[in-house]
Amino acid sequence: MIGVILDFPGGTLEQHDEAVKRMGFEPGGPAQPDCLFHWVAKTDTGIRVVDVWTSRDAFDRALNQDFGPPASDLQMPDPEISFYDVHAYLRSPISDG
């Protein structure tokens, strides 16, 4: 598993939401099969996305094939990306339901 932090300096929540919509997803709904978790928040300089993926390859594929085209169309800034090997995680039993 890989943890990913994407900082989009100058990006907006509206751009993020529209890109997600163009990919065929809805906030609070299911994500891509290899994306275990995704959240986004406004920062002082733009937006931050935090994800957990099954692998780096799955993330790279989704970034380039799924997210890249709508992000480019919406003129989102290029993200600053940090990767982390996930050692362990916990999840709520609520997510099982």
PDB file of N, CA and C in Angstrom:
ATOM      1  N   MET A   1       0.843  -1.187   0.000  1.00  0.00           N
ATOM      2  CA  MET A   1       0.000   0.000   0.000  1.00  0.00           C
ATOM      3  C   MET A   1       0.879   1.238   0.000  1.00  0.00           C
ATOM      4  N   ILE A   2       0.323   2.293  -0.602  1.00  0.00           N
ATOM      5  CA  ILE A   2       1.057   3.543  -0.688  1.00  0.00           C
ATOM      6  C   ILE A   2       0.152   4.694  -0.261  1.00  0.00           C
ATOM      7  N   GLY A   3       0.670   5.546   0.609  1.00  0.00           N
ATOM      8  CA  GLY A   3      -0.021   6.772   0.969  1.00  0.00           C
ATOM      9  C   GLY A   3       0.472   7.880   0.053  1.00  0.00           C
ATOM     10  N   VAL A   4      -0.432   8.730  -0.390  1.00  0.00           N
ATOM     11  CA  VAL A   4      -0.080   9.796  -1.320  1.00  0.00           C
ATOM     12  C   VAL A   4      -0.676  11.106  -0.833  1.00  0.00           C
ATOM     13  N   ILE A   5       0.156  12.139  -0.780  1.00  0.00           N
ATOM     14  CA  ILE A   5      -0.315  13.495  -0.480  1.00  0.00           C
ATOM     15  C   ILE A   5      -0.043  14.339  -1.710  1.00  0.00           C
ATOM     16  N   LEU A   6      -1.106  14.960  -2.220  1.00  0.00           N
ATOM     17  CA  LEU A   6      -0.995  15.831  -3.384  1.00  0.00           C
ATOM     18  C   LEU A   6      -1.394  17.238  -2.977  1.00  0.00           C
ATOM     19  N   ASP A   7      -0.470  18.180  -3.077  1.00  0.00           N
ATOM     20  CA  ASP A   7      -0.766  19.580  -2.804  1.00  0.00           C
ATOM     21  C   ASP A   7      -0.875  20.315  -4.136  1.00  0.00           C
ATOM     22  N   PHE A   8      -2.007  20.986  -4.327  1.00  0.00           N
ATOM     23  CA  PHE A   8      -2.274  21.743  -5.545  1.00  0.00           C
ATOM     24  C   PHE A   8      -2.250  23.228  -5.197  1.00  0.00           C
ATOM     25  N   PRO A   9      -1.074  23.888  -5.286  1.00  0.00           N
ATOM     26  CA  PRO A   9      -1.022  25.316  -4.976  1.00  0.00           C
ATOM     27  C   PRO A   9      -1.904  26.087  -5.963  1.00  0.00           C
ATOM     28  N   GLY A  10      -2.827  26.867  -5.450  1.00  0.00           N
ATOM     29  CA  GLY A  10      -3.724  27.630  -6.308  1.00  0.00           C
ATOM     30  C   GLY A  10      -4.936  26.841  -6.778  1.00  0.00           C
ATOM     31  N   GLY A  11      -5.006  25.546  -6.449  1.00  0.00           N
ATOM     32  CA  GLY A  11      -6.162  24.737  -6.824  1.00  0.00           C
ATOM     33  C   GLY A  11      -7.355  25.061  -5.950  1.00  0.00           C
ATOM     34  N   THR A  12      -8.546  24.744  -6.454  1.00  0.00           N
ATOM     35  CA  THR A  12      -9.763  25.031  -5.700  1.00  0.00           C
ATOM     36  C   THR A  12     -10.568  23.755  -5.479  1.00  0.00           C
ATOM     37  N   LEU A  13     -11.394  23.788  -4.450  1.00  0.00           N
ATOM     38  CA  LEU A  13     -12.289  22.662  -4.191  1.00  0.00           C
ATOM     39  C   LEU A  13     -13.261  22.463  -5.354  1.00  0.00           C
ATOM     40  N   GLU A  14     -13.667  23.552  -5.988  1.00  0.00           N
ATOM     41  CA  GLU A  14     -14.579  23.457  -7.121  1.00  0.00           C
ATOM     42  C   GLU A  14     -13.923  22.720  -8.290  1.00  0.00           C
ATOM     43  N   GLN A  15     -12.644  22.991  -8.542  1.00  0.00           N
ATOM     44  CA  GLN A  15     -11.931  22.263  -9.602  1.00  0.00           C
ATOM     45  C   GLN A  15     -11.864  20.779  -9.263  1.00  0.00           C
ATOM     46  N   HIS A  16     -11.533  20.474  -8.022  1.00  0.00           N
ATOM     47  CA  HIS A  16     -11.459  19.074  -7.598  1.00  0.00           C
ATOM     48  C   HIS A  16     -12.794  18.385  -7.805  1.00  0.00           C
ATOM     49  N   ASP A  17     -13.868  19.000  -7.308  1.00  0.00           N
ATOM     50  CA  ASP A  17     -15.193  18.381  -7.385  1.00  0.00           C
ATOM     51  C   ASP A  17     -15.624  18.169  -8.832  1.00  0.00           C
ATOM     52  N   GLU A  18     -15.320  19.122  -9.693  1.00  0.00           N
ATOM     53  CA  GLU A  18     -15.691  18.985 -11.102  1.00  0.00           C
ATOM     54  C   GLU A  18     -14.863  17.882 -11.772  1.00  0.00           C
ATOM     55  N   ALA A  19     -13.570  17.787 -11.440  1.00  0.00           N
ATOM     56  CA  ALA A  19     -12.733  16.720 -12.002  1.00  0.00           C
ATOM     57  C   ALA A  19     -13.257  15.356 -11.573  1.00  0.00           C
ATOM     58  N   VAL A  20     -13.612  15.224 -10.308  1.00  0.00           N
ATOM     59  CA  VAL A  20     -14.158  13.963  -9.794  1.00  0.00           C
ATOM     60  C   VAL A  20     -15.463  13.627 -10.513  1.00  0.00           C
ATOM     61  N   LYS A  21     -16.311  14.619 -10.697  1.00  0.00           N
ATOM     62  CA  LYS A  21     -17.585  14.426 -11.401  1.00  0.00           C
ATOM     63  C   LYS A  21     -17.342  13.951 -12.836  1.00  0.00           C
ATOM     64  N   ARG A  22     -16.381  14.564 -13.514  1.00  0.00           N
ATOM     65  CA  ARG A  22     -16.074  14.184 -14.901  1.00  0.00           C
ATOM     66  C   ARG A  22     -15.512  12.772 -14.995  1.00  0.00           C
ATOM     67  N   MET A  23     -14.930  12.288 -13.896  1.00  0.00           N
ATOM     68  CA  MET A  23     -14.420  10.917 -13.854  1.00  0.00           C
ATOM     69  C   MET A  23     -15.551   9.919 -13.570  1.00  0.00           C
ATOM     70  N   GLY A  24     -16.741  10.422 -13.252  1.00  0.00           N
ATOM     71  CA  GLY A  24     -17.881   9.555 -13.002  1.00  0.00           C
ATOM     72  C   GLY A  24     -18.084   9.180 -11.551  1.00  0.00           C
ATOM     73  N   PHE A  25     -17.489   9.946 -10.633  1.00  0.00           N
ATOM     74  CA  PHE A  25     -17.614   9.672  -9.205  1.00  0.00           C
ATOM     75  C   PHE A  25     -18.386  10.787  -8.515  1.00  0.00           C
ATOM     76  N   GLU A  26     -18.902  10.481  -7.333  1.00  0.00           N
ATOM     77  CA  GLU A  26     -19.650  11.445  -6.528  1.00  0.00           C
ATOM     78  C   GLU A  26     -19.005  11.553  -5.152  1.00  0.00           C
ATOM     79  N   PRO A  27     -18.927  12.768  -4.573  1.00  0.00           N
ATOM     80  CA  PRO A  27     -18.408  12.895  -3.215  1.00  0.00           C
ATOM     81  C   PRO A  27     -19.169  11.983  -2.246  1.00  0.00           C
ATOM     82  N   GLY A  28     -18.437  11.263  -1.421  1.00  0.00           N
ATOM     83  CA  GLY A  28     -19.024  10.338  -0.455  1.00  0.00           C
ATOM     84  C   GLY A  28     -19.333   8.969  -1.024  1.00  0.00           C
ATOM     85  N   GLY A  29     -19.177   8.818  -2.322  1.00  0.00           N
ATOM     86  CA  GLY A  29     -19.459   7.537  -2.969  1.00  0.00           C
ATOM     87  C   GLY A  29     -18.199   6.705  -3.123  1.00  0.00           C
ATOM     88  N   PRO A  30     -18.320   5.586  -3.838  1.00  0.00           N
ATOM     89  CA  PRO A  30     -17.158   4.724  -4.056  1.00  0.00           C
ATOM     90  C   PRO A  30     -16.111   5.405  -4.935  1.00  0.00           C
ATOM     91  N   ALA A  31     -14.882   4.979  -4.741  1.00  0.00           N
ATOM     92  CA  ALA A  31     -13.758   5.482  -5.530  1.00  0.00           C
ATOM     93  C   ALA A  31     -13.325   4.413  -6.532  1.00  0.00           C
ATOM     94  N   GLN A  32     -12.236   4.681  -7.215  1.00  0.00           N
ATOM     95  CA  GLN A  32     -11.673   3.681  -8.115  1.00  0.00           C
ATOM     96  C   GLN A  32     -11.333   2.436  -7.316  1.00  0.00           C
ATOM     97  N   PRO A  33     -11.363   1.261  -7.950  1.00  0.00           N
ATOM     98  CA  PRO A  33     -11.150   0.003  -7.221  1.00  0.00           C
ATOM     99  C   PRO A  33      -9.842  -0.059  -6.423  1.00  0.00           C
ATOM    100  N   ASP A  34      -8.768   0.539  -6.917  1.00  0.00           N
ATOM    101  CA  ASP A  34      -7.486   0.462  -6.224  1.00  0.00           C
ATOM    102  C   ASP A  34      -7.245   1.608  -5.250  1.00  0.00           C
ATOM    103  N   CYS A  35      -8.192   2.543  -5.170  1.00  0.00           N
ATOM    104  CA  CYS A  35      -8.092   3.653  -4.216  1.00  0.00           C
ATOM    105  C   CYS A  35      -8.845   3.249  -2.953  1.00  0.00           C
ATOM    106  N   LEU A  36      -8.112   3.030  -1.880  1.00  0.00           N
ATOM    107  CA  LEU A  36      -8.723   2.585  -0.638  1.00  0.00           C
ATOM    108  C   LEU A  36      -9.358   3.726   0.134  1.00  0.00           C
ATOM    109  N   PHE A  37      -8.827   4.934  -0.033  1.00  0.00           N
ATOM    110  CA  PHE A  37      -9.373   6.082   0.674  1.00  0.00           C
ATOM    111  C   PHE A  37      -8.925   7.363  -0.006  1.00  0.00           C
ATOM    112  N   HIS A  38      -9.800   8.373   0.003  1.00  0.00           N
ATOM    113  CA  HIS A  38      -9.511   9.661  -0.639  1.00  0.00           C
ATOM    114  C   HIS A  38     -10.214  10.754   0.145  1.00  0.00           C
ATOM    115  N   TRP A  39      -9.488  11.820   0.456  1.00  0.00           N
ATOM    116  CA  TRP A  39     -10.141  13.006   1.004  1.00  0.00           C
ATOM    117  C   TRP A  39      -9.428  14.240   0.493  1.00  0.00           C
ATOM    118  N   VAL A  40     -10.147  15.363   0.514  1.00  0.00           N
ATOM    119  CA  VAL A  40      -9.607  16.633   0.034  1.00  0.00           C
ATOM    120  C   VAL A  40     -10.010  17.731   1.001  1.00  0.00           C
ATOM    121  N   ALA A  41      -9.136  18.729   1.155  1.00  0.00           N
ATOM    122  CA  ALA A  41      -9.418  19.872   2.021  1.00  0.00           C
ATOM    123  C   ALA A  41      -8.767  21.125   1.450  1.00  0.00           C
ATOM    124  N   LYS A  42      -9.352  22.256   1.775  1.00  0.00           N
ATOM    125  CA  LYS A  42      -8.776  23.543   1.412  1.00  0.00           C
ATOM    126  C   LYS A  42      -7.605  23.828   2.340  1.00  0.00           C
ATOM    127  N   THR A  43      -6.547  24.392   1.794  1.00  0.00           N
ATOM    128  CA  THR A  43      -5.391  24.824   2.585  1.00  0.00           C
ATOM    129  C   THR A  43      -5.220  26.333   2.417  1.00  0.00           C
ATOM    130  N   ASP A  44      -4.229  26.897   3.089  1.00  0.00           N
ATOM    131  CA  ASP A  44      -3.958  28.332   2.954  1.00  0.00           C
ATOM    132  C   ASP A  44      -3.488  28.697   1.556  1.00  0.00           C
ATOM    133  N   THR A  45      -2.951  27.700   0.818  1.00  0.00           N
ATOM    134  CA  THR A  45      -2.372  27.999  -0.501  1.00  0.00           C
ATOM    135  C   THR A  45      -3.086  27.311  -1.663  1.00  0.00           C
ATOM    136  N   GLY A  46      -4.097  26.509  -1.390  1.00  0.00           N
ATOM    137  CA  GLY A  46      -4.786  25.786  -2.463  1.00  0.00           C
ATOM    138  C   GLY A  46      -5.620  24.664  -1.888  1.00  0.00           C
ATOM    139  N   ILE A  47      -5.369  23.428  -2.382  1.00  0.00           N
ATOM    140  CA  ILE A  47      -6.053  22.254  -1.846  1.00  0.00           C
ATOM    141  C   ILE A  47      -5.052  21.128  -1.629  1.00  0.00           C
ATOM    142  N   ARG A  48      -5.404  20.236  -0.716  1.00  0.00           N
ATOM    143  CA  ARG A  48      -4.599  19.042  -0.435  1.00  0.00           C
ATOM    144  C   ARG A  48      -5.491  17.822  -0.585  1.00  0.00           C
ATOM    145  N   VAL A  49      -4.992  16.830  -1.310  1.00  0.00           N
ATOM    146  CA  VAL A  49      -5.649  15.536  -1.469  1.00  0.00           C
ATOM    147  C   VAL A  49      -4.791  14.503  -0.761  1.00  0.00           C
ATOM    148  N   VAL A  50      -5.414  13.641   0.028  1.00  0.00           N
ATOM    149  CA  VAL A  50      -4.707  12.557   0.706  1.00  0.00           C
ATOM    150  C   VAL A  50      -5.393  11.252   0.317  1.00  0.00           C
ATOM    151  N   ASP A  51      -4.603  10.334  -0.212  1.00  0.00           N
ATOM    152  CA  ASP A  51      -5.115   9.047  -0.687  1.00  0.00           C
ATOM    153  C   ASP A  51      -4.318   7.899  -0.095  1.00  0.00           C
ATOM    154  N   VAL A  52      -4.934   6.725  -0.088  1.00  0.00           N
ATOM    155  CA  VAL A  52      -4.235   5.455   0.142  1.00  0.00           C
ATOM    156  C   VAL A  52      -4.604   4.555  -1.038  1.00  0.00           C
ATOM    157  N   TRP A  53      -3.601   4.018  -1.702  1.00  0.00           N
ATOM    158  CA  TRP A  53      -3.765   3.174  -2.886  1.00  0.00           C
ATOM    159  C   TRP A  53      -3.168   1.803  -2.639  1.00  0.00           C
ATOM    160  N   THR A  54      -3.638   0.820  -3.390  1.00  0.00           N
ATOM    161  CA  THR A  54      -3.104  -0.536  -3.261  1.00  0.00           C
ATOM    162  C   THR A  54      -1.653  -0.609  -3.712  1.00  0.00           C
ATOM    163  N   SER A  55      -1.247   0.262  -4.647  1.00  0.00           N
ATOM    164  CA  SER A  55       0.143   0.249  -5.134  1.00  0.00           C
ATOM    165  C   SER A  55       0.466   1.577  -5.819  1.00  0.00           C
ATOM    166  N   ARG A  56       1.746   1.824  -5.984  1.00  0.00           N
ATOM    167  CA  ARG A  56       2.198   3.019  -6.708  1.00  0.00           C
ATOM    168  C   ARG A  56       1.768   2.935  -8.170  1.00  0.00           C
ATOM    169  N   ASP A  57       1.850   1.743  -8.760  1.00  0.00           N
ATOM    170  CA  ASP A  57       1.436   1.581 -10.161  1.00  0.00           C
ATOM    171  C   ASP A  57      -0.032   1.945 -10.344  1.00  0.00           C
ATOM    172  N   ALA A  58      -0.889   1.508  -9.417  1.00  0.00           N
ATOM    173  CA  ALA A  58      -2.318   1.819  -9.513  1.00  0.00           C
ATOM    174  C   ALA A  58      -2.546   3.323  -9.422  1.00  0.00           C
ATOM    175  N   PHE A  59      -1.828   3.993  -8.513  1.00  0.00           N
ATOM    176  CA  PHE A  59      -1.947   5.447  -8.399  1.00  0.00           C
ATOM    177  C   PHE A  59      -1.494   6.132  -9.683  1.00  0.00           C
ATOM    178  N   ASP A  60      -0.315   5.753 -10.180  1.00  0.00           N
ATOM    179  CA  ASP A  60       0.221   6.383 -11.396  1.00  0.00           C
ATOM    180  C   ASP A  60      -0.735   6.213 -12.575  1.00  0.00           C
ATOM    181  N   ARG A  61      -1.284   5.034 -12.712  1.00  0.00           N
ATOM    182  CA  ARG A  61      -2.224   4.753 -13.805  1.00  0.00           C
ATOM    183  C   ARG A  61      -3.462   5.652 -13.681  1.00  0.00           C
ATOM    184  N   ALA A  62      -4.022   5.744 -12.490  1.00  0.00           N
ATOM    185  CA  ALA A  62      -5.208   6.573 -12.277  1.00  0.00           C
ATOM    186  C   ALA A  62      -4.902   8.053 -12.497  1.00  0.00           C
ATOM    187  N   LEU A  63      -3.756   8.496 -12.012  1.00  0.00           N
ATOM    188  CA  LEU A  63      -3.385   9.902 -12.178  1.00  0.00           C
ATOM    189  C   LEU A  63      -3.275  10.254 -13.653  1.00  0.00           C
ATOM    190  N   ASN A  64      -2.605   9.415 -14.409  1.00  0.00           N
ATOM    191  CA  ASN A  64      -2.356   9.721 -15.820  1.00  0.00           C
ATOM    192  C   ASN A  64      -3.562   9.463 -16.725  1.00  0.00           C
ATOM    193  N   GLN A  65      -4.302   8.402 -16.474  1.00  0.00           N
ATOM    194  CA  GLN A  65      -5.397   8.032 -17.379  1.00  0.00           C
ATOM    195  C   GLN A  65      -6.740   8.616 -16.961  1.00  0.00           C
ATOM    196  N   ASP A  66      -7.007   8.645 -15.665  1.00  0.00           N
ATOM    197  CA  ASP A  66      -8.340   9.041 -15.203  1.00  0.00           C
ATOM    198  C   ASP A  66      -8.420  10.497 -14.758  1.00  0.00           C
ATOM    199  N   PHE A  67      -7.490  10.928 -13.915  1.00  0.00           N
ATOM    200  CA  PHE A  67      -7.558  12.264 -13.343  1.00  0.00           C
ATOM    201  C   PHE A  67      -6.896  13.315 -14.229  1.00  0.00           C
ATOM    202  N   GLY A  68      -5.831  12.943 -14.907  1.00  0.00           N
ATOM    203  CA  GLY A  68      -5.064  13.901 -15.704  1.00  0.00           C
ATOM    204  C   GLY A  68      -5.872  14.669 -16.728  1.00  0.00           C
ATOM    205  N   PRO A  69      -6.652  13.988 -17.578  1.00  0.00           N
ATOM    206  CA  PRO A  69      -7.392  14.732 -18.606  1.00  0.00           C
ATOM    207  C   PRO A  69      -8.386  15.756 -18.043  1.00  0.00           C
ATOM    208  N   PRO A  70      -9.262  15.388 -17.077  1.00  0.00           N
ATOM    209  CA  PRO A  70     -10.168  16.434 -16.579  1.00  0.00           C
ATOM    210  C   PRO A  70      -9.433  17.530 -15.820  1.00  0.00           C
ATOM    211  N   ALA A  71      -8.364  17.184 -15.105  1.00  0.00           N
ATOM    212  CA  ALA A  71      -7.603  18.201 -14.372  1.00  0.00           C
ATOM    213  C   ALA A  71      -6.978  19.193 -15.344  1.00  0.00           C
ATOM    214  N   SER A  72      -6.473  18.693 -16.453  1.00  0.00           N
ATOM    215  CA  SER A  72      -5.895  19.564 -17.474  1.00  0.00           C
ATOM    216  C   SER A  72      -6.959  20.454 -18.090  1.00  0.00           C
ATOM    217  N   ASP A  73      -8.120  19.868 -18.426  1.00  0.00           N
ATOM    218  CA  ASP A  73      -9.214  20.652 -19.000  1.00  0.00           C
ATOM    219  C   ASP A  73      -9.661  21.766 -18.062  1.00  0.00           C
ATOM    220  N   LEU A  74      -9.606  21.511 -16.759  1.00  0.00           N
ATOM    221  CA  LEU A  74     -10.030  22.492 -15.754  1.00  0.00           C
ATOM    222  C   LEU A  74      -8.902  23.431 -15.346  1.00  0.00           C
ATOM    223  N   GLN A  75      -7.742  23.287 -15.987  1.00  0.00           N
ATOM    224  CA  GLN A  75      -6.563  24.116 -15.716  1.00  0.00           C
ATOM    225  C   GLN A  75      -6.134  24.065 -14.251  1.00  0.00           C
ATOM    226  N   MET A  76      -6.208  22.853 -13.680  1.00  0.00           N
ATOM    227  CA  MET A  76      -5.704  22.677 -12.318  1.00  0.00           C
ATOM    228  C   MET A  76      -4.185  22.769 -12.339  1.00  0.00           C
ATOM    229  N   PRO A  77      -3.592  23.346 -11.308  1.00  0.00           N
ATOM    230  CA  PRO A  77      -2.131  23.397 -11.257  1.00  0.00           C
ATOM    231  C   PRO A  77      -1.557  21.993 -11.066  1.00  0.00           C
ATOM    232  N   ASP A  78      -0.318  21.806 -11.508  1.00  0.00           N
ATOM    233  CA  ASP A  78       0.355  20.527 -11.275  1.00  0.00           C
ATOM    234  C   ASP A  78       0.555  20.336  -9.775  1.00  0.00           C
ATOM    235  N   PRO A  79       0.298  19.131  -9.284  1.00  0.00           N
ATOM    236  CA  PRO A  79       0.442  18.910  -7.843  1.00  0.00           C
ATOM    237  C   PRO A  79       1.889  18.658  -7.437  1.00  0.00           C
ATOM    238  N   GLU A  80       2.163  18.992  -6.184  1.00  0.00           N
ATOM    239  CA  GLU A  80       3.396  18.554  -5.523  1.00  0.00           C
ATOM    240  C   GLU A  80       3.017  17.243  -4.833  1.00  0.00           C
ATOM    241  N   ILE A  81       3.699  16.143  -5.171  1.00  0.00           N
ATOM    242  CA  ILE A  81       3.287  14.816  -4.715  1.00  0.00           C
ATOM    243  C   ILE A  81       4.330  14.223  -3.784  1.00  0.00           C
ATOM    244  N   SER A  82       3.856  13.685  -2.645  1.00  0.00           N
ATOM    245  CA  SER A  82       4.702  12.954  -1.700  1.00  0.00           C
ATOM    246  C   SER A  82       4.140  11.546  -1.548  1.00  0.00           C
ATOM    247  N   PHE A  83       5.032  10.546  -1.487  1.00  0.00           N
ATOM    248  CA  PHE A  83       4.627   9.153  -1.351  1.00  0.00           C
ATOM    249  C   PHE A  83       5.147   8.578  -0.039  1.00  0.00           C
ATOM    250  N   TYR A  84       4.347   7.687   0.549  1.00  0.00           N
ATOM    251  CA  TYR A  84       4.712   7.057   1.805  1.00  0.00           C
ATOM    252  C   TYR A  84       4.313   5.586   1.761  1.00  0.00           C
ATOM    253  N   ASP A  85       5.216   4.705   2.142  1.00  0.00           N
ATOM    254  CA  ASP A  85       4.864   3.298   2.278  1.00  0.00           C
ATOM    255  C   ASP A  85       4.015   3.150   3.532  1.00  0.00           C
ATOM    256  N   VAL A  86       2.832   2.579   3.392  1.00  0.00           N
ATOM    257  CA  VAL A  86       1.922   2.421   4.523  1.00  0.00           C
ATOM    258  C   VAL A  86       2.345   1.197   5.325  1.00  0.00           C
ATOM    259  N   HIS A  87       2.656   1.406   6.567  1.00  0.00           N
ATOM    260  CA  HIS A  87       3.058   0.324   7.474  1.00  0.00           C
ATOM    261  C   HIS A  87       1.839  -0.427   8.000  1.00  0.00           C
ATOM    262  N   ALA A  88       0.847   0.319   8.458  1.00  0.00           N
ATOM    263  CA  ALA A  88      -0.357  -0.280   9.037  1.00  0.00           C
ATOM    264  C   ALA A  88      -1.475   0.750   8.970  1.00  0.00           C
ATOM    265  N   TYR A  89      -2.694   0.262   9.093  1.00  0.00           N
ATOM    266  CA  TYR A  89      -3.832   1.165   9.118  1.00  0.00           C
ATOM    267  C   TYR A  89      -4.950   0.555   9.947  1.00  0.00           C
ATOM    268  N   LEU A  90      -5.856   1.405  10.384  1.00  0.00           N
ATOM    269  CA  LEU A  90      -7.056   0.996  11.099  1.00  0.00           C
ATOM    270  C   LEU A  90      -8.245   1.538  10.323  1.00  0.00           C
ATOM    271  N   ARG A  91      -9.386   0.897  10.449  1.00  0.00           N
ATOM    272  CA  ARG A  91     -10.587   1.422   9.805  1.00  0.00           C
ATOM    273  C   ARG A  91     -11.780   1.200  10.710  1.00  0.00           C
ATOM    274  N   SER A  92     -12.757   2.018  10.530  1.00  0.00           N
ATOM    275  CA  SER A  92     -13.976   1.937  11.336  1.00  0.00           C
ATOM    276  C   SER A  92     -14.847   0.787  10.855  1.00  0.00           C
ATOM    277  N   PRO A  93     -15.509   0.082  11.775  1.00  0.00           N
ATOM    278  CA  PRO A  93     -16.450  -0.946  11.337  1.00  0.00           C
ATOM    279  C   PRO A  93     -17.637  -0.362  10.586  1.00  0.00           C
ATOM    280  N   ILE A  94     -17.852   0.943  10.723  1.00  0.00           N
ATOM    281  CA  ILE A  94     -18.930   1.611   9.989  1.00  0.00           C
ATOM    282  C   ILE A  94     -18.698   1.468   8.492  1.00  0.00           C
ATOM    283  N   SER A  95     -17.425   1.482   8.060  1.00  0.00           N
ATOM    284  CA  SER A  95     -17.128   1.402   6.623  1.00  0.00           C
ATOM    285  C   SER A  95     -17.449   0.024   6.045  1.00  0.00           C
ATOM    286  N   ASP A  96     -17.715  -0.973   6.893  1.00  0.00           N
ATOM    287  CA  ASP A  96     -18.079  -2.302   6.413  1.00  0.00           C
ATOM    288  C   ASP A  96     -19.536  -2.357   5.947  1.00  0.00           C
ATOM    289  N   GLY A  97     -20.349  -1.427   6.402  1.00  0.00           N
ATOM    290  CA  GLY A  97     -21.780  -1.492   6.186  1.00  0.00           C
ATOM    291  C   GLY A  97     -22.233  -1.000   4.890  1.00  0.00           C
TER     292      GLY A  97
END
